[in-house]
Every structure is written in C-alpha cells, then in structure tokens.
C-alpha atoms as a PDB file:
ATOM      1  CA  MET A   1     -56.018-195.558 146.676  1.00  0.00           C
ATOM      2  CA  GLN A   2     -56.151-194.527 143.058  1.00  0.00           C
ATOM      3  CA  PHE A   3     -56.011-190.790 142.408  1.00  0.00           C
ATOM      4  CA  THR A   4     -56.587-189.065 139.074  1.00  0.00           C
ATOM      5  CA  GLU A   5     -53.779-186.630 139.863  1.00  0.00           C
ATOM      6  CA  PRO A   6     -50.329-187.422 141.277  1.00  0.00           C
ATOM      7  CA  ALA A   7     -50.766-188.234 144.972  1.00  0.00           C
ATOM      8  CA  ASP A   8     -47.640-186.308 145.936  1.00  0.00           C
ATOM      9  CA  VAL A   9     -49.156-183.014 144.766  1.00  0.00           C
ATOM     10  CA  LEU A  10     -52.499-183.417 146.542  1.00  0.00           C
ATOM     11  CA  ASP A  11     -52.974-181.759 149.904  1.00  0.00           C
ATOM     12  CA  GLN A  12     -54.327-183.922 152.737  1.00  0.00           C
ATOM     13  CA  GLN A  13     -57.813-182.412 152.548  1.00  0.00           C
ATOM     14  CA  THR A  14     -58.155-183.228 148.840  1.00  0.00           C
ATOM     15  CA  ALA A  15     -56.780-186.725 149.387  1.00  0.00           C
ATOM     16  CA  ASP A  16     -59.286-187.309 152.202  1.00  0.00           C
ATOM     17  CA  GLN A  17     -62.124-186.014 150.026  1.00  0.00           C
ATOM     18  CA  ALA A  18     -61.062-188.395 147.249  1.00  0.00           C
ATOM     19  CA  LYS A  19     -61.100-191.293 149.709  1.00  0.00           C
ATOM     20  CA  ALA A  20     -64.567-190.358 150.915  1.00  0.00           C
ATOM     21  CA  LEU A  21     -65.896-189.978 147.352  1.00  0.00           C
ATOM     22  CA  LYS A  22     -64.444-193.323 146.273  1.00  0.00           C
ATOM     23  CA  SER A  23     -65.883-194.974 149.388  1.00  0.00           C
ATOM     24  CA  LEU A  24     -69.279-193.424 148.642  1.00  0.00           C
ATOM     25  CA  MET A  25     -69.175-194.871 145.111  1.00  0.00           C
ATOM     26  CA  GLU A  26     -68.348-198.300 146.543  1.00  0.00           C
ATOM     27  CA  GLU A  27     -71.169-198.114 149.086  1.00  0.00           C
ATOM     28  CA  VAL A  28     -73.719-197.099 146.449  1.00  0.00           C
ATOM     29  CA  GLU A  29     -72.511-199.910 144.206  1.00  0.00           C
ATOM     30  CA  ALA A  30     -72.976-202.361 147.092  1.00  0.00           C
ATOM     31  CA  VAL A  31     -76.508-201.013 147.682  1.00  0.00           C
ATOM     32  CA  ASN A  32     -77.283-201.752 144.032  1.00  0.00           C
ATOM     33  CA  TYR A  33     -75.885-205.286 144.217  1.00  0.00           C
ATOM     34  CA  TYR A  34     -77.742-206.210 147.402  1.00  0.00           C
ATOM     35  CA  ASN A  35     -80.960-204.583 146.197  1.00  0.00           C
ATOM     36  CA  GLN A  36     -80.964-206.550 142.935  1.00  0.00           C
ATOM     37  CA  ARG A  37     -80.122-209.806 144.684  1.00  0.00           C
ATOM     38  CA  ALA A  38     -82.847-209.289 147.305  1.00  0.00           C
ATOM     39  CA  ALA A  39     -85.367-208.484 144.571  1.00  0.00           C
ATOM     40  CA  THR A  40     -84.639-211.654 142.615  1.00  0.00           C
ATOM     41  CA  THR A  41     -84.111-214.395 145.172  1.00  0.00           C
ATOM     42  CA  PRO A  42     -87.098-216.622 145.881  1.00  0.00           C
ATOM     43  CA  ASN A  43     -85.679-217.652 149.271  1.00  0.00           C
ATOM     44  CA  ALA A  44     -87.366-215.562 151.995  1.00  0.00           C
ATOM     45  CA  GLU A  45     -84.557-215.921 154.529  1.00  0.00           C
ATOM     46  CA  LEU A  46     -81.900-214.944 151.998  1.00  0.00           C
ATOM     47  CA  LYS A  47     -84.094-212.051 150.784  1.00  0.00           C
ATOM     48  CA  ALA A  48     -84.284-210.700 154.346  1.00  0.00           C
ATOM     49  CA  LEU A  49     -80.528-211.059 154.843  1.00  0.00           C
ATOM     50  CA  LEU A  50     -79.727-209.321 151.560  1.00  0.00           C
ATOM     51  CA  ALA A  51     -82.181-206.509 152.342  1.00  0.00           C
ATOM     52  CA  HIS A  52     -80.534-206.094 155.757  1.00  0.00           C
ATOM     53  CA  ASN A  53     -77.101-205.892 154.126  1.00  0.00           C
ATOM     54  CA  ARG A  54     -78.441-203.361 151.571  1.00  0.00           C
ATOM     55  CA  ASP A  55     -79.777-201.192 154.365  1.00  0.00           C
ATOM     56  CA  GLU A  56     -76.408-201.300 156.158  1.00  0.00           C
ATOM     57  CA  GLU A  57     -74.720-200.095 152.968  1.00  0.00           C
ATOM     58  CA  ILE A  58     -77.265-197.259 152.703  1.00  0.00           C
ATOM     59  CA  GLU A  59     -76.320-196.247 156.253  1.00  0.00           C
ATOM     60  CA  HIS A  60     -72.638-196.200 155.292  1.00  0.00           C
ATOM     61  CA  ALA A  61     -73.358-194.128 152.173  1.00  0.00           C
ATOM     62  CA  VAL A  62     -75.368-191.595 154.155  1.00  0.00           C
ATOM     63  CA  MET A  63     -72.589-191.285 156.741  1.00  0.00           C
ATOM     64  CA  LEU A  64     -70.131-190.526 153.936  1.00  0.00           C
ATOM     65  CA  ILE A  65     -72.483-187.945 152.443  1.00  0.00           C
ATOM     66  CA  GLU A  66     -72.665-186.239 155.835  1.00  0.00           C
ATOM     67  CA  TRP A  67     -68.864-186.276 156.106  1.00  0.00           C
ATOM     68  CA  LEU A  68     -68.648-184.697 152.647  1.00  0.00           C
ATOM     69  CA  ARG A  69     -71.255-182.096 153.646  1.00  0.00           C
ATOM     70  CA  ARG A  70     -69.060-181.106 156.557  1.00  0.00           C
ATOM     71  CA  ASN A  71     -65.721-181.299 154.768  1.00  0.00           C
ATOM     72  CA  MET A  72     -66.076-180.418 151.072  1.00  0.00           C
ATOM     73  CA  ASP A  73     -67.327-177.172 149.559  1.00  0.00           C
ATOM     74  CA  GLY A  74     -70.611-177.360 147.683  1.00  0.00           C
ATOM     75  CA  TRP A  75     -72.216-180.329 149.413  1.00  0.00           C
ATOM     76  CA  ASP A  76     -73.950-178.355 152.156  1.00  0.00           C
ATOM     77  CA  ASP A  77     -75.626-175.896 149.778  1.00  0.00           C
ATOM     78  CA  GLU A  78     -76.761-178.590 147.336  1.00  0.00           C
ATOM     79  CA  LEU A  79     -78.110-180.844 150.066  1.00  0.00           C
ATOM     80  CA  LYS A  80     -80.036-177.916 151.563  1.00  0.00           C
ATOM     81  CA  THR A  81     -81.540-177.225 148.140  1.00  0.00           C
ATOM     82  CA  TYR A  82     -82.670-180.744 147.247  1.00  0.00           C
ATOM     83  CA  LEU A  83     -83.139-182.871 150.355  1.00  0.00           C
ATOM     84  CA  PHE A  84     -86.544-183.247 151.957  1.00  0.00           C
ATOM     85  CA  THR A  85     -88.384-181.417 149.190  1.00  0.00           C
ATOM     86  CA  SER A  86     -91.566-182.640 147.567  1.00  0.00           C
ATOM     87  CA  ALA A  87     -91.595-180.671 144.311  1.00  0.00           C
ATOM     88  CA  PRO A  88     -90.176-182.301 141.179  1.00  0.00           C
ATOM     89  CA  LEU A  89     -86.403-181.958 141.389  1.00  0.00           C
ATOM     90  CA  THR A  90     -86.111-179.872 138.239  1.00  0.00           C
ATOM     91  CA  GLN A  91     -88.561-177.391 139.749  1.00  0.00           C
ATOM     92  CA  VAL A  92     -86.592-177.269 142.982  1.00  0.00           C
ATOM     93  CA  GLU A  93     -83.487-176.501 140.936  1.00  0.00           C
ATOM     94  CA  SER A  94     -85.065-173.678 138.963  1.00  0.00           C
ATOM     95  CA  GLY A  95     -87.201-172.410 141.794  1.00  0.00           C
ATOM     96  CA  GLY A  96     -84.546-172.009 144.430  1.00  0.00           C
ATOM     97  CA  GLY A  97     -84.895-174.731 147.025  1.00  0.00           C
ATOM     98  CA  ALA A  98     -87.234-174.319 149.966  1.00  0.00           C
ATOM     99  CA  ALA A  99     -89.598-171.953 148.183  1.00  0.00           C
ATOM    100  CA  ALA A 100     -90.142-174.452 145.379  1.00  0.00           C
ATOM    101  CA  SER A 101     -90.749-177.264 147.815  1.00  0.00           C
ATOM    102  CA  GLY A 102     -93.550-175.429 149.533  1.00  0.00           C
ATOM    103  CA  VAL A 103     -91.573-175.160 152.772  1.00  0.00           C
ATOM    104  CA  SER A 104     -91.720-171.795 154.474  1.00  0.00           C
ATOM    105  CA  SER A 105     -88.803-170.444 156.463  1.00  0.00           C
ATOM    106  CA  LYS A 106     -91.446-169.472 159.036  1.00  0.00           C
ATOM    107  CA  ALA A 107     -92.871-172.995 159.189  1.00  0.00           C
ATOM    108  CA  LEU A 108     -92.509-173.119 162.977  1.00  0.00           C
ATOM    109  CA  GLY A 109     -94.475-169.907 163.330  1.00  0.00           C
ATOM    110  CA  ILE A 110     -91.765-168.177 165.335  1.00  0.00           C
ATOM    111  CA  GLY A 111     -91.137-165.369 162.864  1.00  0.00           C
ATOM    112  CA  SER A 112     -87.862-163.532 162.568  1.00  0.00           C
ATOM    113  CA  LEU A 113     -85.212-163.924 165.240  1.00  0.00           C
ATOM    114  CA  LYS A 114     -83.566-160.569 164.402  1.00  0.00           C
END
C-alpha cells in the first residue's frame, strides 16, 4: 500500500480509510475500462461479458462507498445531500439537499414523531 504520509505515523483508522479510498479508485477505474471495452466491441458475447464485469466492479465500488460512509467523517452528510435527488446537482448544493430535490421530510405523511 502506498501512503502519502509515513505509514508508521498513521493510526489504524486512517490507514484503513486510505486502503478503502485506493480500492475505490481502482474499482472506478475498472468500471471505466470495462465500460469502454463493452461499448466498442462488435462481438455480442464479449460485449455481454464485459458489461457483466463492469457491473460487478460497480457493485464493489458501491460497497466501498458504503464502508466509507460508515467509517469516515463527511461521507454520510454528503451522500445524504446528493444521492437520490432529481434537481441539478449545483442546485442541490446551494439549496440544501432534500428541499432542493423536491423531497419532503413528511413524504410518508406520518408527520412529526416528537
């Protein structure tokens, strides 16, 4: 594992986060490779195989994102702001998340639980 800071001064949590981040970069890179190859091959069987492999890499990337959400400050808040919104992302950013996406906190119609 390559660290940007001396490994002997990193605590275990930071080292684990670095491993997860590096793995996420590798998974996203693999998604890109498989996606381009699937898009350009004329062979239908190979196209299907490459698309399958791409989708497996997407699964791995998402699993790493979830691990980061659970184990590294900042991920949870940012994912809650941007994921599953329909407004343009720059509007979500300036508008404050769910309100900008048109999603109501009372969407289930249950009102306040206080």
